[in-house]
Structure formats: structure tokens, C-alpha cells
């Protein structure tokens, strides 16, 4: 993606305006009412985040006020409608139950630049159902990258289970549920790379989830001699194995990313957590 030669740091006002724009992009008309996104995850470049961290609560407060004002403006009937000379084209927009939920987070993507604003929002907080139960929601992604705005609304709904690597000999299975639904990955080689992937990031196991999960989050290796598994954490926000934090294998020296080649043993059955936003159920099929 082509980017400007220089990028300006983002301002607090620009963040608020982007949140309001995201709300407008994500409106979902029903028959008697219109739903607005309730949950907003705002991701900023680390430099912008550090600069604005002290006023983040104020940004969130004013963003809520701006959303209230925009909702009131959108709901305001025209004179003809007030005089009952015309009918409303769309039903009234309902204030989300529980109000607006806004969090401002650091964008851990390596290609993030100062001035970038990435917002993921949802119509409602999804129910914490049991694994595999499925859910229906609508997530709206809006981006301001180097001053250019894009919007990519998408509907994620309950889908049949997807099995990757079906029919091939496997040494382990990994079950999880991301924005694309419930999935089972069959590990058919001795080492895989897992993460969100991207143009410059190859992954064997690719997740459709929040940017908290790194593009290359971890590597999982099977030792052919013993049949045991080992995980190397390459992420910024961490990986857990059965609730215990795996040691980070990444260090930054003079701004350069280096791999220290640290691994953690993975039991034959384990729950692997990625940045506390996505959880995988790992099961070894190895005889070791």
C-alpha cells in the first residue's frame, strides 16, 4: 500500500471524528428501530498512543458525548415529518443498551504509521457462549491511513465448522473460533507459523481477529524424535499456555527486532491464549 512520504501524528479531535464516522458506517436498520455499534476498539500508532495516553479518558468521554450528539442529530425529524406531511424513511436510531463502550489501544502492527487510526466496532457485545455455539454480529472496520479513509463493514454469523487439512495425516489438532466462525486446524507438518498474517507475513494458521493478535504471533514445533511440542512466542502482547505466560522470544536492540529462540513446552492438551482475545484448544495426536 502506497503511503505518504511523511505522516502527521493524529490529534484527539481526529480520533473522535473517526469514532463518529464509524458509528454512521455501521448503522443497521430494523423494522421499528435502527441499531448503532455499541463497542469500539480504537488502535493508534505507539507514538500517538504514548503522546495521548494521559488524556485518553477525556477523549473517551468526549467521544461518547459526540456519539450522543450525532445520534440526536440523525434522529431529529424534519419540519415536514413533525407536521406529519411526510413519513420517516428510516426508523429511529436506538441508544445501545449499556451506552457506548470505547477503548483506545496501541496498534502492534509493524506497518502502522503515525497518524493511522484503525477502529473495529460491533453492534453489540457478543454473548459469551460455549465454544462452537456460534453467534451473529456485525463488525465494522474503518481506517484512516495517512489521511485516506476506508470502511469495510462485514457480517460474521454462525457458520458450519471448517476443517483445514482434512484427510491428511496430522500430528495435532487446533480448534478455535474467530470472526469467520468455528474452525479446526489439522497440523500436518512439524512446524507451523500462526497469526493474522498479511502481505509480508506468511502464516500456516491464519486468524481473522483483532489487531491485538500479531501478524506472526507464534511458531509451533513438533520434535520428531520425542513427539513433543514447543511454542515460540513472537508477539507483542503475549501468549499463554494453560493460563501461564510463555516467555517472549523477541527482543528489540537499537530498534531492530531480534529472535532469541526461546521456546516453551506445550502439553499434549493445552489451551493457548493469544493476547487474551483469542483462545485455541490444542490436542496432540503424536505417539510421543
C-alpha atoms as a PDB file:
ATOM      1  CA  UNK A   1       0.000   0.000   0.000  1.00  0.00           C
ATOM      2  CA  UNK A   2       1.402   3.373  -1.004  1.00  0.00           C
ATOM      3  CA  UNK A   3       1.734   5.796   1.885  1.00  0.00           C
ATOM      4  CA  UNK A   4       2.672   9.472   2.082  1.00  0.00           C
ATOM      5  CA  UNK A   5       6.364  10.256   2.491  1.00  0.00           C
ATOM      6  CA  UNK A   6       5.591  11.757   5.900  1.00  0.00           C
ATOM      7  CA  UNK A   7       2.712  11.048   8.255  1.00  0.00           C
ATOM      8  CA  UNK A   8       1.395  13.560  10.760  1.00  0.00           C
ATOM      9  CA  UNK A   9       0.655  12.496  14.345  1.00  0.00           C
ATOM     10  CA  UNK A  10      -3.030  12.001  14.985  1.00  0.00           C
ATOM     11  CA  UNK A  11      -4.979  14.524  17.046  1.00  0.00           C
ATOM     12  CA  UNK A  12      -7.553  13.795  19.724  1.00  0.00           C
ATOM     13  CA  UNK A  13     -10.255  15.508  17.657  1.00  0.00           C
ATOM     14  CA  UNK A  14      -9.490  13.302  14.642  1.00  0.00           C
ATOM     15  CA  UNK A  15      -9.936  10.214  16.811  1.00  0.00           C
ATOM     16  CA  UNK A  16     -13.350  11.427  17.980  1.00  0.00           C
ATOM     17  CA  UNK A  17     -14.447  12.236  14.415  1.00  0.00           C
ATOM     18  CA  UNK A  18     -13.356   8.772  13.248  1.00  0.00           C
ATOM     19  CA  UNK A  19     -15.382   7.108  16.014  1.00  0.00           C
ATOM     20  CA  UNK A  20     -18.449   9.090  14.949  1.00  0.00           C
ATOM     21  CA  UNK A  21     -17.840   8.150  11.300  1.00  0.00           C
ATOM     22  CA  UNK A  22     -17.540   4.506  12.268  1.00  0.00           C
ATOM     23  CA  UNK A  23     -20.905   4.733  14.035  1.00  0.00           C
ATOM     24  CA  UNK A  24     -22.563   6.161  10.914  1.00  0.00           C
ATOM     25  CA  UNK A  25     -20.965   3.479   8.692  1.00  0.00           C
ATOM     26  CA  UNK A  26     -22.245   0.717  10.971  1.00  0.00           C
ATOM     27  CA  UNK A  27     -25.915   1.644  11.360  1.00  0.00           C
ATOM     28  CA  UNK A  28     -28.200  -1.355  10.874  1.00  0.00           C
ATOM     29  CA  UNK A  29     -31.911  -0.547  10.191  1.00  0.00           C
ATOM     30  CA  UNK A  30     -34.508  -2.949  11.551  1.00  0.00           C
ATOM     31  CA  UNK A  31     -38.283  -2.569  11.143  1.00  0.00           C
ATOM     32  CA  UNK A  32     -39.050  -0.439  14.193  1.00  0.00           C
ATOM     33  CA  UNK A  33     -35.599   0.816  15.118  1.00  0.00           C
ATOM     34  CA  UNK A  34     -32.042   1.195  13.839  1.00  0.00           C
ATOM     35  CA  UNK A  35     -29.116  -0.293  15.727  1.00  0.00           C
ATOM     36  CA  UNK A  36     -25.822   1.548  16.170  1.00  0.00           C
ATOM     37  CA  UNK A  37     -22.457  -0.050  17.034  1.00  0.00           C
ATOM     38  CA  UNK A  38     -22.012  -0.186  20.799  1.00  0.00           C
ATOM     39  CA  UNK A  39     -18.415  -1.387  21.209  1.00  0.00           C
ATOM     40  CA  UNK A  40     -15.441   0.487  19.733  1.00  0.00           C
ATOM     41  CA  UNK A  41     -11.804  -0.678  19.739  1.00  0.00           C
ATOM     42  CA  UNK A  42      -9.574   2.191  18.595  1.00  0.00           C
ATOM     43  CA  UNK A  43      -5.969   1.349  17.606  1.00  0.00           C
ATOM     44  CA  UNK A  44      -3.257   4.031  17.407  1.00  0.00           C
ATOM     45  CA  UNK A  45       0.419   4.042  16.446  1.00  0.00           C
ATOM     46  CA  UNK A  46       2.591   3.515  19.588  1.00  0.00           C
ATOM     47  CA  UNK A  47       3.963   7.058  19.299  1.00  0.00           C
ATOM     48  CA  UNK A  48       0.478   8.565  19.104  1.00  0.00           C
ATOM     49  CA  UNK A  49      -0.678   6.323  21.950  1.00  0.00           C
ATOM     50  CA  UNK A  50       2.190   7.404  24.182  1.00  0.00           C
ATOM     51  CA  UNK A  51       1.576  11.087  23.423  1.00  0.00           C
ATOM     52  CA  UNK A  52      -2.172  10.903  24.074  1.00  0.00           C
ATOM     53  CA  UNK A  53      -2.221   8.320  26.887  1.00  0.00           C
ATOM     54  CA  UNK A  54      -2.657  10.948  29.600  1.00  0.00           C
ATOM     55  CA  UNK A  55      -5.816  12.369  28.020  1.00  0.00           C
ATOM     56  CA  UNK A  56      -7.268   9.077  26.774  1.00  0.00           C
ATOM     57  CA  UNK A  57     -10.069   9.121  29.417  1.00  0.00           C
ATOM     58  CA  UNK A  58     -11.009  12.635  28.262  1.00  0.00           C
ATOM     59  CA  UNK A  59     -11.025  11.500  24.617  1.00  0.00           C
ATOM     60  CA  UNK A  60     -13.331   8.615  25.502  1.00  0.00           C
ATOM     61  CA  UNK A  61     -15.655  10.923  27.455  1.00  0.00           C
ATOM     62  CA  UNK A  62     -15.901  13.456  24.641  1.00  0.00           C
ATOM     63  CA  UNK A  63     -16.301  10.691  22.047  1.00  0.00           C
ATOM     64  CA  UNK A  64     -19.346   9.429  23.978  1.00  0.00           C
ATOM     65  CA  UNK A  65     -20.767  12.958  24.014  1.00  0.00           C
ATOM     66  CA  UNK A  66     -20.098  13.296  20.279  1.00  0.00           C
ATOM     67  CA  UNK A  67     -21.860   9.979  19.606  1.00  0.00           C
ATOM     68  CA  UNK A  68     -24.854  11.144  21.661  1.00  0.00           C
ATOM     69  CA  UNK A  69     -24.970  14.408  19.690  1.00  0.00           C
ATOM     70  CA  UNK A  70     -24.674  12.621  16.337  1.00  0.00           C
ATOM     71  CA  UNK A  71     -27.391  10.149  17.284  1.00  0.00           C
ATOM     72  CA  UNK A  72     -29.680  13.030  18.316  1.00  0.00           C
ATOM     73  CA  UNK A  73     -28.950  14.840  15.057  1.00  0.00           C
ATOM     74  CA  UNK A  74     -29.673  11.769  12.941  1.00  0.00           C
ATOM     75  CA  UNK A  75     -32.916  11.171  14.817  1.00  0.00           C
ATOM     76  CA  UNK A  76     -34.096  14.776  14.558  1.00  0.00           C
ATOM     77  CA  UNK A  77     -37.205  14.858  12.393  1.00  0.00           C
ATOM     78  CA  UNK A  78     -37.525  17.368   9.586  1.00  0.00           C
ATOM     79  CA  UNK A  79     -40.244  20.035   9.713  1.00  0.00           C
ATOM     80  CA  UNK A  80     -42.355  18.085   7.224  1.00  0.00           C
ATOM     81  CA  UNK A  81     -42.070  14.979   9.385  1.00  0.00           C
ATOM     82  CA  UNK A  82     -43.008  16.915  12.540  1.00  0.00           C
ATOM     83  CA  UNK A  83     -46.105  18.234  10.742  1.00  0.00           C
ATOM     84  CA  UNK A  84     -46.860  14.679   9.587  1.00  0.00           C
ATOM     85  CA  UNK A  85     -46.586  15.725   5.939  1.00  0.00           C
ATOM     86  CA  UNK A  86     -44.023  13.029   5.311  1.00  0.00           C
ATOM     87  CA  UNK A  87     -43.076   9.718   6.828  1.00  0.00           C
ATOM     88  CA  UNK A  88     -39.605   8.941   8.130  1.00  0.00           C
ATOM     89  CA  UNK A  89     -37.554   6.965   5.618  1.00  0.00           C
ATOM     90  CA  UNK A  90     -35.705   5.086   8.361  1.00  0.00           C
ATOM     91  CA  UNK A  91     -36.685   4.060  11.897  1.00  0.00           C
ATOM     92  CA  UNK A  92     -35.209   5.915  14.862  1.00  0.00           C
ATOM     93  CA  UNK A  93     -31.702   5.000  16.000  1.00  0.00           C
ATOM     94  CA  UNK A  94     -31.697   3.381  19.430  1.00  0.00           C
ATOM     95  CA  UNK A  95     -29.093   4.209  22.052  1.00  0.00           C
ATOM     96  CA  UNK A  96     -27.156   0.973  22.745  1.00  0.00           C
ATOM     97  CA  UNK A  97     -28.055  -0.857  25.938  1.00  0.00           C
ATOM     98  CA  UNK A  98     -25.347  -0.034  28.446  1.00  0.00           C
ATOM     99  CA  UNK A  99     -24.211   3.019  26.475  1.00  0.00           C
ATOM    100  CA  UNK A 100     -21.100   3.439  24.318  1.00  0.00           C
ATOM    101  CA  UNK A 101     -18.120   1.214  25.154  1.00  0.00           C
ATOM    102  CA  UNK A 102     -14.862   2.708  23.856  1.00  0.00           C
ATOM    103  CA  UNK A 103     -11.281   1.524  24.405  1.00  0.00           C
ATOM    104  CA  UNK A 104      -8.128   3.113  22.992  1.00  0.00           C
ATOM    105  CA  UNK A 105      -5.290   0.652  22.372  1.00  0.00           C
ATOM    106  CA  UNK A 106      -1.798   0.512  20.894  1.00  0.00           C
ATOM    107  CA  UNK A 107      -1.551  -0.746  17.319  1.00  0.00           C
ATOM    108  CA  UNK A 108       1.044  -3.527  17.393  1.00  0.00           C
ATOM    109  CA  UNK A 109       1.263  -3.971  13.621  1.00  0.00           C
ATOM    110  CA  UNK A 110       4.789  -3.385  12.324  1.00  0.00           C
ATOM    111  CA  UNK A 111       3.484  -1.375   9.358  1.00  0.00           C
ATOM    112  CA  UNK A 112       1.474   1.065  11.489  1.00  0.00           C
ATOM    113  CA  UNK A 113       2.454   4.705  10.995  1.00  0.00           C
ATOM    114  CA  UNK A 114       1.896   7.901  12.999  1.00  0.00           C
ATOM    115  CA  UNK A 115      -1.488   9.341  12.136  1.00  0.00           C
ATOM    116  CA  UNK A 116      -3.118   5.967  11.442  1.00  0.00           C
ATOM    117  CA  UNK A 117      -6.431   5.266  13.171  1.00  0.00           C
ATOM    118  CA  UNK A 118      -7.952   1.785  12.939  1.00  0.00           C
ATOM    119  CA  UNK A 119     -11.364   1.210  14.538  1.00  0.00           C
ATOM    120  CA  UNK A 120     -13.195  -2.078  14.945  1.00  0.00           C
ATOM    121  CA  UNK A 121     -16.724  -1.814  16.286  1.00  0.00           C
ATOM    122  CA  UNK A 122     -19.594  -4.194  16.932  1.00  0.00           C
ATOM    123  CA  UNK A 123     -23.341  -3.731  17.033  1.00  0.00           C
ATOM    124  CA  UNK A 124     -23.479  -5.298  20.468  1.00  0.00           C
ATOM    125  CA  UNK A 125     -21.222  -7.118  22.884  1.00  0.00           C
ATOM    126  CA  UNK A 126     -21.405 -10.760  21.724  1.00  0.00           C
ATOM    127  CA  UNK A 127     -22.683 -13.276  24.234  1.00  0.00           C
ATOM    128  CA  UNK A 128     -20.045 -15.412  25.915  1.00  0.00           C
ATOM    129  CA  UNK A 129     -21.390 -18.677  24.558  1.00  0.00           C
ATOM    130  CA  UNK A 130     -19.719 -22.037  24.904  1.00  0.00           C
ATOM    131  CA  UNK A 131     -17.085 -22.838  22.300  1.00  0.00           C
ATOM    132  CA  UNK A 132     -18.647 -23.762  18.998  1.00  0.00           C
ATOM    133  CA  UNK A 133     -22.102 -22.383  19.796  1.00  0.00           C
ATOM    134  CA  UNK A 134     -21.720 -19.692  17.153  1.00  0.00           C
ATOM    135  CA  UNK A 135     -23.059 -16.158  17.215  1.00  0.00           C
ATOM    136  CA  UNK A 136     -24.304 -13.466  14.895  1.00  0.00           C
ATOM    137  CA  UNK A 137     -22.946  -9.958  14.955  1.00  0.00           C
ATOM    138  CA  UNK A 138     -21.781  -7.256  12.599  1.00  0.00           C
ATOM    139  CA  UNK A 139     -18.296  -5.835  12.847  1.00  0.00           C
ATOM    140  CA  UNK A 140     -17.430  -2.556  11.183  1.00  0.00           C
ATOM    141  CA  UNK A 141     -13.817  -1.724  10.358  1.00  0.00           C
ATOM    142  CA  UNK A 142     -12.871   1.846   9.466  1.00  0.00           C
ATOM    143  CA  UNK A 143      -9.380   3.094   8.785  1.00  0.00           C
ATOM    144  CA  UNK A 144      -7.690   6.438   8.391  1.00  0.00           C
ATOM    145  CA  UNK A 145      -4.305   5.593   6.897  1.00  0.00           C
ATOM    146  CA  UNK A 146      -2.132   8.570   6.062  1.00  0.00           C
ATOM    147  CA  UNK A 147      -5.236  10.763   5.817  1.00  0.00           C
ATOM    148  CA  UNK A 148      -7.175   8.397   3.500  1.00  0.00           C
ATOM    149  CA  UNK A 149     -10.419   6.946   4.857  1.00  0.00           C
ATOM    150  CA  UNK A 150     -11.796   3.497   4.147  1.00  0.00           C
ATOM    151  CA  UNK A 151     -14.681   1.481   5.514  1.00  0.00           C
ATOM    152  CA  UNK A 152     -15.137  -2.278   5.312  1.00  0.00           C
ATOM    153  CA  UNK A 153     -18.321  -3.439   7.053  1.00  0.00           C
ATOM    154  CA  UNK A 154     -18.728  -7.199   7.247  1.00  0.00           C
ATOM    155  CA  UNK A 155     -21.255  -9.591   8.738  1.00  0.00           C
ATOM    156  CA  UNK A 156     -19.973 -12.586  10.657  1.00  0.00           C
ATOM    157  CA  UNK A 157     -22.570 -15.145  11.518  1.00  0.00           C
ATOM    158  CA  UNK A 158     -22.857 -18.673  12.751  1.00  0.00           C
ATOM    159  CA  UNK A 159     -21.198 -20.943  10.205  1.00  0.00           C
ATOM    160  CA  UNK A 160     -20.553 -24.659   9.894  1.00  0.00           C
ATOM    161  CA  UNK A 161     -17.250 -25.882  11.259  1.00  0.00           C
ATOM    162  CA  UNK A 162     -14.305 -25.562   8.894  1.00  0.00           C
ATOM    163  CA  UNK A 163     -11.640 -28.280   8.995  1.00  0.00           C
ATOM    164  CA  UNK A 164      -8.313 -27.327   7.444  1.00  0.00           C
ATOM    165  CA  UNK A 165      -6.060 -30.205   6.403  1.00  0.00           C
ATOM    166  CA  UNK A 166      -8.872 -32.752   6.467  1.00  0.00           C
ATOM    167  CA  UNK A 167      -7.917 -36.133   5.014  1.00  0.00           C
ATOM    168  CA  UNK A 168      -4.186 -35.664   5.621  1.00  0.00           C
ATOM    169  CA  UNK A 169      -2.137 -37.398   8.348  1.00  0.00           C
ATOM    170  CA  UNK A 170      -1.874 -34.981  11.274  1.00  0.00           C
ATOM    171  CA  UNK A 171       0.246 -34.763  14.414  1.00  0.00           C
ATOM    172  CA  UNK A 172      -2.090 -32.353  16.252  1.00  0.00           C
ATOM    173  CA  UNK A 173      -5.397 -30.510  16.018  1.00  0.00           C
ATOM    174  CA  UNK A 174      -6.154 -26.899  16.978  1.00  0.00           C
ATOM    175  CA  UNK A 175      -9.784 -25.849  17.491  1.00  0.00           C
ATOM    176  CA  UNK A 176     -10.778 -22.196  17.777  1.00  0.00           C
ATOM    177  CA  UNK A 177     -13.454 -19.680  16.863  1.00  0.00           C
ATOM    178  CA  UNK A 178     -12.570 -16.377  15.212  1.00  0.00           C
ATOM    179  CA  UNK A 179     -14.644 -13.863  13.253  1.00  0.00           C
ATOM    180  CA  UNK A 180     -15.079 -16.407  10.475  1.00  0.00           C
ATOM    181  CA  UNK A 181     -16.723 -18.963  12.773  1.00  0.00           C
ATOM    182  CA  UNK A 182     -15.709 -22.250  14.337  1.00  0.00           C
ATOM    183  CA  UNK A 183     -12.663 -23.931  12.796  1.00  0.00           C
ATOM    184  CA  UNK A 184     -10.422 -26.955  13.264  1.00  0.00           C
ATOM    185  CA  UNK A 185      -6.849 -26.873  12.014  1.00  0.00           C
ATOM    186  CA  UNK A 186      -5.036 -30.175  11.490  1.00  0.00           C
ATOM    187  CA  UNK A 187      -1.267 -29.761  11.871  1.00  0.00           C
ATOM    188  CA  UNK A 188       0.257 -31.872   9.113  1.00  0.00           C
ATOM    189  CA  UNK A 189       3.916 -30.795   9.342  1.00  0.00           C
ATOM    190  CA  UNK A 190       6.464 -30.476  12.118  1.00  0.00           C
ATOM    191  CA  UNK A 191       6.459 -26.659  12.329  1.00  0.00           C
ATOM    192  CA  UNK A 192       3.821 -24.008  11.645  1.00  0.00           C
ATOM    193  CA  UNK A 193       3.549 -20.216  11.901  1.00  0.00           C
ATOM    194  CA  UNK A 194       0.308 -18.779  13.350  1.00  0.00           C
ATOM    195  CA  UNK A 195      -1.037 -15.226  13.402  1.00  0.00           C
ATOM    196  CA  UNK A 196      -3.156 -12.714  11.490  1.00  0.00           C
ATOM    197  CA  UNK A 197      -0.798 -12.818   8.517  1.00  0.00           C
ATOM    198  CA  UNK A 198      -0.505 -10.078   5.930  1.00  0.00           C
ATOM    199  CA  UNK A 199       1.198  -9.094   2.715  1.00  0.00           C
ATOM    200  CA  UNK A 200       4.695  -9.585   4.133  1.00  0.00           C
ATOM    201  CA  UNK A 201       3.809 -12.233   6.741  1.00  0.00           C
ATOM    202  CA  UNK A 202       3.386 -15.882   5.766  1.00  0.00           C
ATOM    203  CA  UNK A 203       1.245 -17.948   8.143  1.00  0.00           C
ATOM    204  CA  UNK A 204       0.169 -21.588   8.034  1.00  0.00           C
ATOM    205  CA  UNK A 205      -2.612 -20.885  10.515  1.00  0.00           C
ATOM    206  CA  UNK A 206      -4.263 -17.502   9.827  1.00  0.00           C
ATOM    207  CA  UNK A 207      -6.719 -15.881  12.234  1.00  0.00           C
ATOM    208  CA  UNK A 208      -9.452 -13.366  11.429  1.00  0.00           C
ATOM    209  CA  UNK A 209      -9.452 -11.398  14.666  1.00  0.00           C
ATOM    210  CA  UNK A 210      -8.486  -8.137  16.370  1.00  0.00           C
ATOM    211  CA  UNK A 211      -5.058  -6.497  15.835  1.00  0.00           C
ATOM    212  CA  UNK A 212      -4.135  -7.453  19.417  1.00  0.00           C
ATOM    213  CA  UNK A 213      -3.072 -10.734  17.792  1.00  0.00           C
ATOM    214  CA  UNK A 214       0.184 -10.141  15.924  1.00  0.00           C
ATOM    215  CA  UNK A 215       0.589 -10.839  12.229  1.00  0.00           C
ATOM    216  CA  UNK A 216       3.151 -13.509  13.175  1.00  0.00           C
ATOM    217  CA  UNK A 217       2.091 -14.417  16.711  1.00  0.00           C
ATOM    218  CA  UNK A 218       3.788 -17.749  17.446  1.00  0.00           C
ATOM    219  CA  UNK A 219       5.567 -20.725  15.950  1.00  0.00           C
ATOM    220  CA  UNK A 220       4.610 -24.244  16.996  1.00  0.00           C
ATOM    221  CA  UNK A 221       7.199 -27.002  16.552  1.00  0.00           C
ATOM    222  CA  UNK A 222       6.996 -30.755  16.955  1.00  0.00           C
ATOM    223  CA  UNK A 223      10.198 -32.617  17.797  1.00  0.00           C
ATOM    224  CA  UNK A 224      10.074 -35.735  15.556  1.00  0.00           C
ATOM    225  CA  UNK A 225      12.309 -37.743  17.910  1.00  0.00           C
ATOM    226  CA  UNK A 226      10.197 -37.289  21.058  1.00  0.00           C
ATOM    227  CA  UNK A 227       6.844 -36.290  19.562  1.00  0.00           C
ATOM    228  CA  UNK A 228       6.677 -33.350  21.991  1.00  0.00           C
ATOM    229  CA  UNK A 229       5.579 -29.841  21.040  1.00  0.00           C
ATOM    230  CA  UNK A 230       7.219 -26.471  21.691  1.00  0.00           C
ATOM    231  CA  UNK A 231       5.885 -22.938  21.218  1.00  0.00           C
ATOM    232  CA  UNK A 232       7.908 -19.817  20.391  1.00  0.00           C
ATOM    233  CA  UNK A 233       6.120 -16.541  21.215  1.00  0.00           C
ATOM    234  CA  UNK A 234       6.852 -13.846  18.612  1.00  0.00           C
ATOM    235  CA  UNK A 235       4.052 -11.446  19.563  1.00  0.00           C
ATOM    236  CA  UNK A 236       3.899  -8.021  21.163  1.00  0.00           C
ATOM    237  CA  UNK A 237       1.002  -8.717  23.540  1.00  0.00           C
ATOM    238  CA  UNK A 238       1.903 -12.219  24.617  1.00  0.00           C
ATOM    239  CA  UNK A 239       0.843 -15.863  24.512  1.00  0.00           C
ATOM    240  CA  UNK A 240      -0.335 -18.101  27.353  1.00  0.00           C
ATOM    241  CA  UNK A 241      -0.309 -21.878  27.701  1.00  0.00           C
ATOM    242  CA  UNK A 242      -2.955 -23.139  30.139  1.00  0.00           C
ATOM    243  CA  UNK A 243      -3.018 -19.671  31.680  1.00  0.00           C
ATOM    244  CA  UNK A 244       0.766 -19.400  32.118  1.00  0.00           C
ATOM    245  CA  UNK A 245       2.578 -16.735  30.132  1.00  0.00           C
ATOM    246  CA  UNK A 246       5.040 -18.130  27.591  1.00  0.00           C
ATOM    247  CA  UNK A 247       8.451 -16.410  27.518  1.00  0.00           C
ATOM    248  CA  UNK A 248       8.784 -13.876  24.716  1.00  0.00           C
ATOM    249  CA  UNK A 249      11.348 -14.866  22.098  1.00  0.00           C
ATOM    250  CA  UNK A 250      11.502 -11.326  20.700  1.00  0.00           C
ATOM    251  CA  UNK A 251      13.743  -8.507  21.840  1.00  0.00           C
ATOM    252  CA  UNK A 252      14.404  -5.093  20.337  1.00  0.00           C
ATOM    253  CA  UNK A 253      18.008  -3.916  20.091  1.00  0.00           C
ATOM    254  CA  UNK A 254      18.529  -0.391  18.750  1.00  0.00           C
ATOM    255  CA  UNK A 255      15.022  -0.533  17.327  1.00  0.00           C
ATOM    256  CA  UNK A 256      15.723  -3.794  15.488  1.00  0.00           C
ATOM    257  CA  UNK A 257      13.610  -6.890  16.136  1.00  0.00           C
ATOM    258  CA  UNK A 258      15.621  -9.996  17.073  1.00  0.00           C
ATOM    259  CA  UNK A 259      14.590 -13.593  17.760  1.00  0.00           C
ATOM    260  CA  UNK A 260      16.171 -15.039  20.926  1.00  0.00           C
ATOM    261  CA  UNK A 261      14.974 -18.551  20.004  1.00  0.00           C
ATOM    262  CA  UNK A 262      13.183 -19.151  23.335  1.00  0.00           C
ATOM    263  CA  UNK A 263      10.576 -21.902  23.419  1.00  0.00           C
ATOM    264  CA  UNK A 264       8.034 -23.204  25.930  1.00  0.00           C
ATOM    265  CA  UNK A 265       6.887 -26.815  26.172  1.00  0.00           C
ATOM    266  CA  UNK A 266       3.262 -27.452  25.201  1.00  0.00           C
ATOM    267  CA  UNK A 267       1.401 -30.306  26.969  1.00  0.00           C
ATOM    268  CA  UNK A 268      -0.451 -32.924  24.953  1.00  0.00           C
ATOM    269  CA  UNK A 269      -3.668 -30.994  25.654  1.00  0.00           C
ATOM    270  CA  UNK A 270      -3.484 -27.256  26.188  1.00  0.00           C
ATOM    271  CA  UNK A 271      -5.448 -24.032  25.966  1.00  0.00           C
ATOM    272  CA  UNK A 272      -3.335 -21.450  24.135  1.00  0.00           C
ATOM    273  CA  UNK A 273      -4.286 -17.800  24.594  1.00  0.00           C
ATOM    274  CA  UNK A 274      -3.319 -15.083  22.123  1.00  0.00           C
ATOM    275  CA  UNK A 275      -3.199 -11.576  23.669  1.00  0.00           C
ATOM    276  CA  UNK A 276      -6.190 -12.613  25.830  1.00  0.00           C
ATOM    277  CA  UNK A 277      -8.558 -12.110  22.867  1.00  0.00           C
ATOM    278  CA  UNK A 278      -8.392 -15.462  21.045  1.00  0.00           C
ATOM    279  CA  UNK A 279      -8.090 -18.932  22.579  1.00  0.00           C
ATOM    280  CA  UNK A 280      -7.075 -22.181  20.908  1.00  0.00           C
ATOM    281  CA  UNK A 281      -7.751 -25.734  22.069  1.00  0.00           C
ATOM    282  CA  UNK A 282      -4.633 -27.744  21.225  1.00  0.00           C
ATOM    283  CA  UNK A 283      -4.531 -31.559  21.199  1.00  0.00           C
ATOM    284  CA  UNK A 284      -1.538 -33.666  20.265  1.00  0.00           C
ATOM    285  CA  UNK A 285      -2.113 -36.742  18.096  1.00  0.00           C
ATOM    286  CA  UNK A 286       1.525 -37.746  18.390  1.00  0.00           C
ATOM    287  CA  UNK A 287       2.538 -41.059  19.956  1.00  0.00           C
ATOM    288  CA  UNK A 288       5.445 -39.406  21.754  1.00  0.00           C
END
